[in-house]
Amino acid sequence: MITAFVLIKTDASRIPESAQEISEIAGISEVYSVTGEWDLIAIARVEKHEELADVIADKLSKVQSVVSTTTQISFRAYSQHDLDAAFALGFDH
């Protein structure tokens, strides 16, 4: 699984609508409104690097109120939540 963090600037008057529209894109697992330089952060999770172009360049970037994006692709996850999920594969809780 490939995870990317997409930092998003939107039309300030449409942040909630932008977040909702972005959250409906296949491949986007989460969208957060945040403080600071960016308006939203979306988390994209896809199987292949090539799919990031579909999700980010072809869909997310074309949401009407999106002004700009910057994408950070993760190398490795270190959070306990992700490690627990990886070790629990195939086991019923």
N, C-alpha and C. Protein backbone atom coordinates (compact mmCIF):
# COMPACT_ATOMS: atom_id res chain seq x y z
N MET A 1 0.84 -1.18 0.00
CA MET A 1 0.00 0.00 0.00
C MET A 1 0.89 1.24 0.00
N ILE A 2 0.59 2.16 -0.88
CA ILE A 2 1.32 3.42 -0.97
C ILE A 2 0.45 4.51 -0.35
N THR A 3 1.05 5.28 0.54
CA THR A 3 0.34 6.36 1.21
C THR A 3 0.97 7.68 0.83
N ALA A 4 0.11 8.64 0.48
CA ALA A 4 0.58 9.99 0.15
C ALA A 4 -0.24 11.00 0.94
N PHE A 5 0.42 12.05 1.37
CA PHE A 5 -0.23 13.14 2.08
C PHE A 5 -0.30 14.32 1.11
N VAL A 6 -1.50 14.80 0.86
CA VAL A 6 -1.69 15.88 -0.11
C VAL A 6 -2.09 17.14 0.65
N LEU A 7 -1.23 18.14 0.61
CA LEU A 7 -1.48 19.43 1.25
C LEU A 7 -2.24 20.28 0.22
N ILE A 8 -3.38 20.83 0.63
CA ILE A 8 -4.28 21.45 -0.33
C ILE A 8 -4.64 22.88 0.08
N LYS A 9 -4.53 23.81 -0.87
CA LYS A 9 -5.05 25.16 -0.71
C LYS A 9 -6.33 25.24 -1.53
N THR A 10 -7.38 25.78 -0.92
CA THR A 10 -8.66 25.89 -1.61
C THR A 10 -9.17 27.32 -1.54
N ASP A 11 -10.24 27.57 -2.27
CA ASP A 11 -10.99 28.80 -2.13
C ASP A 11 -11.50 28.81 -0.69
N ALA A 12 -11.11 29.81 0.10
CA ALA A 12 -11.42 29.83 1.53
C ALA A 12 -12.91 29.78 1.83
N SER A 13 -13.73 30.24 0.91
CA SER A 13 -15.17 30.24 1.14
C SER A 13 -15.80 28.87 0.89
N ARG A 14 -15.00 27.92 0.39
CA ARG A 14 -15.55 26.61 0.05
C ARG A 14 -14.78 25.45 0.69
N ILE A 15 -14.14 25.69 1.81
CA ILE A 15 -13.34 24.63 2.44
C ILE A 15 -14.19 23.40 2.79
N PRO A 16 -15.33 23.53 3.45
CA PRO A 16 -16.12 22.32 3.78
C PRO A 16 -16.61 21.58 2.54
N GLU A 17 -17.04 22.34 1.53
CA GLU A 17 -17.52 21.70 0.29
C GLU A 17 -16.37 21.01 -0.44
N SER A 18 -15.22 21.64 -0.44
CA SER A 18 -14.03 21.03 -1.08
C SER A 18 -13.66 19.74 -0.36
N ALA A 19 -13.65 19.79 0.97
CA ALA A 19 -13.30 18.60 1.75
C ALA A 19 -14.26 17.46 1.45
N GLN A 20 -15.55 17.75 1.38
CA GLN A 20 -16.54 16.71 1.10
C GLN A 20 -16.33 16.11 -0.29
N GLU A 21 -16.11 16.97 -1.28
CA GLU A 21 -15.91 16.49 -2.65
C GLU A 21 -14.64 15.65 -2.75
N ILE A 22 -13.58 16.09 -2.12
CA ILE A 22 -12.31 15.35 -2.14
C ILE A 22 -12.47 14.01 -1.44
N SER A 23 -13.20 13.98 -0.34
CA SER A 23 -13.37 12.73 0.42
C SER A 23 -14.12 11.67 -0.37
N GLU A 24 -14.85 12.07 -1.39
CA GLU A 24 -15.61 11.13 -2.21
C GLU A 24 -14.80 10.54 -3.36
N ILE A 25 -13.56 10.99 -3.53
CA ILE A 25 -12.70 10.46 -4.59
C ILE A 25 -12.16 9.10 -4.18
N ALA A 26 -12.32 8.11 -5.06
CA ALA A 26 -11.76 6.78 -4.80
C ALA A 26 -10.25 6.90 -4.65
N GLY A 27 -9.71 6.32 -3.58
CA GLY A 27 -8.28 6.40 -3.30
C GLY A 27 -7.95 7.41 -2.22
N ILE A 28 -8.88 8.28 -1.88
CA ILE A 28 -8.70 9.21 -0.77
C ILE A 28 -9.33 8.58 0.46
N SER A 29 -8.53 8.32 1.49
CA SER A 29 -9.06 7.65 2.67
C SER A 29 -9.52 8.62 3.75
N GLU A 30 -8.91 9.81 3.81
CA GLU A 30 -9.23 10.78 4.85
C GLU A 30 -8.96 12.18 4.34
N VAL A 31 -9.73 13.13 4.86
CA VAL A 31 -9.49 14.55 4.58
C VAL A 31 -9.65 15.30 5.89
N TYR A 32 -8.68 16.17 6.19
CA TYR A 32 -8.69 16.94 7.43
C TYR A 32 -8.62 18.43 7.10
N SER A 33 -9.40 19.24 7.79
CA SER A 33 -9.19 20.68 7.74
C SER A 33 -8.12 20.98 8.79
N VAL A 34 -7.21 21.89 8.45
CA VAL A 34 -6.07 22.13 9.33
C VAL A 34 -5.78 23.63 9.44
N THR A 35 -4.99 23.98 10.45
CA THR A 35 -4.55 25.35 10.61
C THR A 35 -3.24 25.53 9.85
N GLY A 36 -2.87 26.77 9.66
CA GLY A 36 -1.58 27.04 9.04
C GLY A 36 -1.69 27.40 7.58
N GLU A 37 -0.63 27.15 6.86
CA GLU A 37 -0.50 27.55 5.46
C GLU A 37 -1.50 26.84 4.54
N TRP A 38 -1.87 25.60 4.89
CA TRP A 38 -2.74 24.79 4.04
C TRP A 38 -4.14 24.76 4.62
N ASP A 39 -5.13 24.56 3.77
CA ASP A 39 -6.52 24.50 4.22
C ASP A 39 -6.95 23.08 4.57
N LEU A 40 -6.49 22.12 3.78
CA LEU A 40 -6.87 20.72 3.95
C LEU A 40 -5.65 19.83 3.78
N ILE A 41 -5.70 18.67 4.41
CA ILE A 41 -4.73 17.61 4.13
C ILE A 41 -5.53 16.36 3.84
N ALA A 42 -5.26 15.77 2.68
CA ALA A 42 -5.92 14.52 2.29
C ALA A 42 -4.90 13.40 2.32
N ILE A 43 -5.35 12.22 2.71
CA ILE A 43 -4.50 11.05 2.70
C ILE A 43 -4.98 10.13 1.59
N ALA A 44 -4.07 9.87 0.66
CA ALA A 44 -4.37 8.98 -0.46
C ALA A 44 -3.70 7.64 -0.17
N ARG A 45 -4.44 6.56 -0.38
CA ARG A 45 -3.88 5.22 -0.21
C ARG A 45 -4.22 4.41 -1.45
N VAL A 46 -3.17 3.99 -2.16
CA VAL A 46 -3.34 3.25 -3.42
C VAL A 46 -2.39 2.06 -3.45
N GLU A 47 -2.65 1.16 -4.35
CA GLU A 47 -1.82 -0.05 -4.48
C GLU A 47 -0.54 0.21 -5.27
N LYS A 48 -0.59 1.07 -6.28
CA LYS A 48 0.56 1.30 -7.16
C LYS A 48 0.83 2.79 -7.30
N HIS A 49 2.09 3.14 -7.52
CA HIS A 49 2.46 4.54 -7.70
C HIS A 49 1.69 5.18 -8.85
N GLU A 50 1.46 4.42 -9.92
CA GLU A 50 0.77 4.95 -11.09
C GLU A 50 -0.64 5.43 -10.72
N GLU A 51 -1.24 4.82 -9.72
CA GLU A 51 -2.60 5.21 -9.32
C GLU A 51 -2.62 6.58 -8.67
N LEU A 52 -1.50 7.04 -8.14
CA LEU A 52 -1.45 8.38 -7.54
C LEU A 52 -1.76 9.45 -8.58
N ALA A 53 -1.30 9.26 -9.80
CA ALA A 53 -1.59 10.22 -10.86
C ALA A 53 -3.09 10.30 -11.11
N ASP A 54 -3.77 9.17 -11.11
CA ASP A 54 -5.23 9.16 -11.30
C ASP A 54 -5.93 9.90 -10.17
N VAL A 55 -5.54 9.59 -8.95
CA VAL A 55 -6.22 10.16 -7.78
C VAL A 55 -5.89 11.64 -7.61
N ILE A 56 -4.62 11.99 -7.68
CA ILE A 56 -4.22 13.36 -7.35
C ILE A 56 -4.28 14.29 -8.57
N ALA A 57 -3.60 13.95 -9.63
CA ALA A 57 -3.54 14.85 -10.79
C ALA A 57 -4.84 14.86 -11.59
N ASP A 58 -5.44 13.70 -11.77
CA ASP A 58 -6.63 13.63 -12.63
C ASP A 58 -7.94 13.92 -11.91
N LYS A 59 -8.00 13.73 -10.60
CA LYS A 59 -9.26 13.94 -9.89
C LYS A 59 -9.17 15.05 -8.85
N LEU A 60 -8.32 14.89 -7.84
CA LEU A 60 -8.26 15.87 -6.74
C LEU A 60 -7.89 17.26 -7.25
N SER A 61 -6.89 17.37 -8.08
CA SER A 61 -6.45 18.68 -8.56
C SER A 61 -7.49 19.37 -9.43
N LYS A 62 -8.45 18.60 -9.93
CA LYS A 62 -9.48 19.18 -10.79
C LYS A 62 -10.76 19.54 -10.05
N VAL A 63 -10.77 19.35 -8.72
CA VAL A 63 -11.90 19.84 -7.93
C VAL A 63 -11.89 21.36 -8.09
N GLN A 64 -13.02 21.92 -8.46
CA GLN A 64 -13.11 23.32 -8.87
C GLN A 64 -12.49 24.30 -7.89
N SER A 65 -12.67 24.12 -6.60
CA SER A 65 -12.18 25.11 -5.63
C SER A 65 -10.75 24.85 -5.16
N VAL A 66 -10.09 23.81 -5.66
CA VAL A 66 -8.69 23.55 -5.30
C VAL A 66 -7.80 24.53 -6.04
N VAL A 67 -6.99 25.27 -5.29
CA VAL A 67 -6.10 26.28 -5.87
C VAL A 67 -4.73 25.68 -6.15
N SER A 68 -4.19 24.91 -5.19
CA SER A 68 -2.88 24.27 -5.38
C SER A 68 -2.73 23.09 -4.43
N THR A 69 -1.81 22.21 -4.78
CA THR A 69 -1.52 21.04 -3.94
C THR A 69 -0.02 20.79 -3.90
N THR A 70 0.40 20.15 -2.83
CA THR A 70 1.76 19.62 -2.71
C THR A 70 1.60 18.22 -2.14
N THR A 71 2.28 17.26 -2.75
CA THR A 71 2.13 15.87 -2.34
C THR A 71 3.41 15.34 -1.74
N GLN A 72 3.26 14.66 -0.61
CA GLN A 72 4.38 14.00 0.07
C GLN A 72 4.08 12.50 0.08
N ILE A 73 4.95 11.69 -0.48
CA ILE A 73 4.76 10.24 -0.51
C ILE A 73 5.53 9.63 0.65
N SER A 74 4.86 8.78 1.40
CA SER A 74 5.53 8.18 2.57
C SER A 74 6.42 7.02 2.14
N PHE A 75 7.51 6.84 2.87
CA PHE A 75 8.40 5.71 2.67
C PHE A 75 8.03 4.55 3.58
N ARG A 76 7.74 4.87 4.84
CA ARG A 76 7.55 3.85 5.86
C ARG A 76 6.64 4.40 6.94
N ALA A 77 5.83 3.53 7.53
CA ALA A 77 4.95 3.94 8.64
C ALA A 77 5.56 3.47 9.96
N TYR A 78 5.53 4.32 10.95
CA TYR A 78 6.08 3.99 12.25
C TYR A 78 5.06 4.01 13.37
N SER A 79 3.83 4.45 13.07
CA SER A 79 2.85 4.56 14.14
C SER A 79 2.43 3.18 14.64
N GLN A 80 2.10 3.09 15.90
CA GLN A 80 1.67 1.83 16.50
C GLN A 80 0.41 1.31 15.83
N HIS A 81 -0.49 2.22 15.48
CA HIS A 81 -1.74 1.82 14.82
C HIS A 81 -1.44 1.05 13.54
N ASP A 82 -0.54 1.58 12.70
CA ASP A 82 -0.21 0.91 11.44
C ASP A 82 0.52 -0.40 11.68
N LEU A 83 1.40 -0.44 12.68
CA LEU A 83 2.12 -1.67 12.97
C LEU A 83 1.17 -2.75 13.47
N ASP A 84 0.23 -2.39 14.34
CA ASP A 84 -0.74 -3.35 14.83
C ASP A 84 -1.58 -3.90 13.69
N ALA A 85 -1.99 -3.05 12.78
CA ALA A 85 -2.79 -3.49 11.64
C ALA A 85 -2.00 -4.45 10.76
N ALA A 86 -0.72 -4.19 10.56
CA ALA A 86 0.09 -5.06 9.72
C ALA A 86 0.27 -6.44 10.32
N PHE A 87 0.46 -6.51 11.63
CA PHE A 87 0.65 -7.80 12.29
C PHE A 87 -0.65 -8.55 12.50
N ALA A 88 -1.77 -7.86 12.40
CA ALA A 88 -3.07 -8.51 12.63
C ALA A 88 -3.68 -9.08 11.36
N LEU A 89 -3.03 -8.91 10.24
CA LEU A 89 -3.59 -9.41 8.99
C LEU A 89 -3.86 -10.91 9.07
N GLY A 90 -5.07 -11.28 8.70
CA GLY A 90 -5.43 -12.69 8.68
C GLY A 90 -5.93 -13.23 9.99
N PHE A 91 -5.95 -12.43 11.03
CA PHE A 91 -6.42 -12.87 12.34
C PHE A 91 -7.72 -12.19 12.69
N ASP A 92 -8.68 -12.94 13.23
CA ASP A 92 -9.93 -12.36 13.68
C ASP A 92 -9.77 -11.84 15.10
N HIS A 93 -10.37 -10.69 15.35
CA HIS A 93 -10.32 -10.10 16.70
C HIS A 93 -11.62 -10.36 17.41
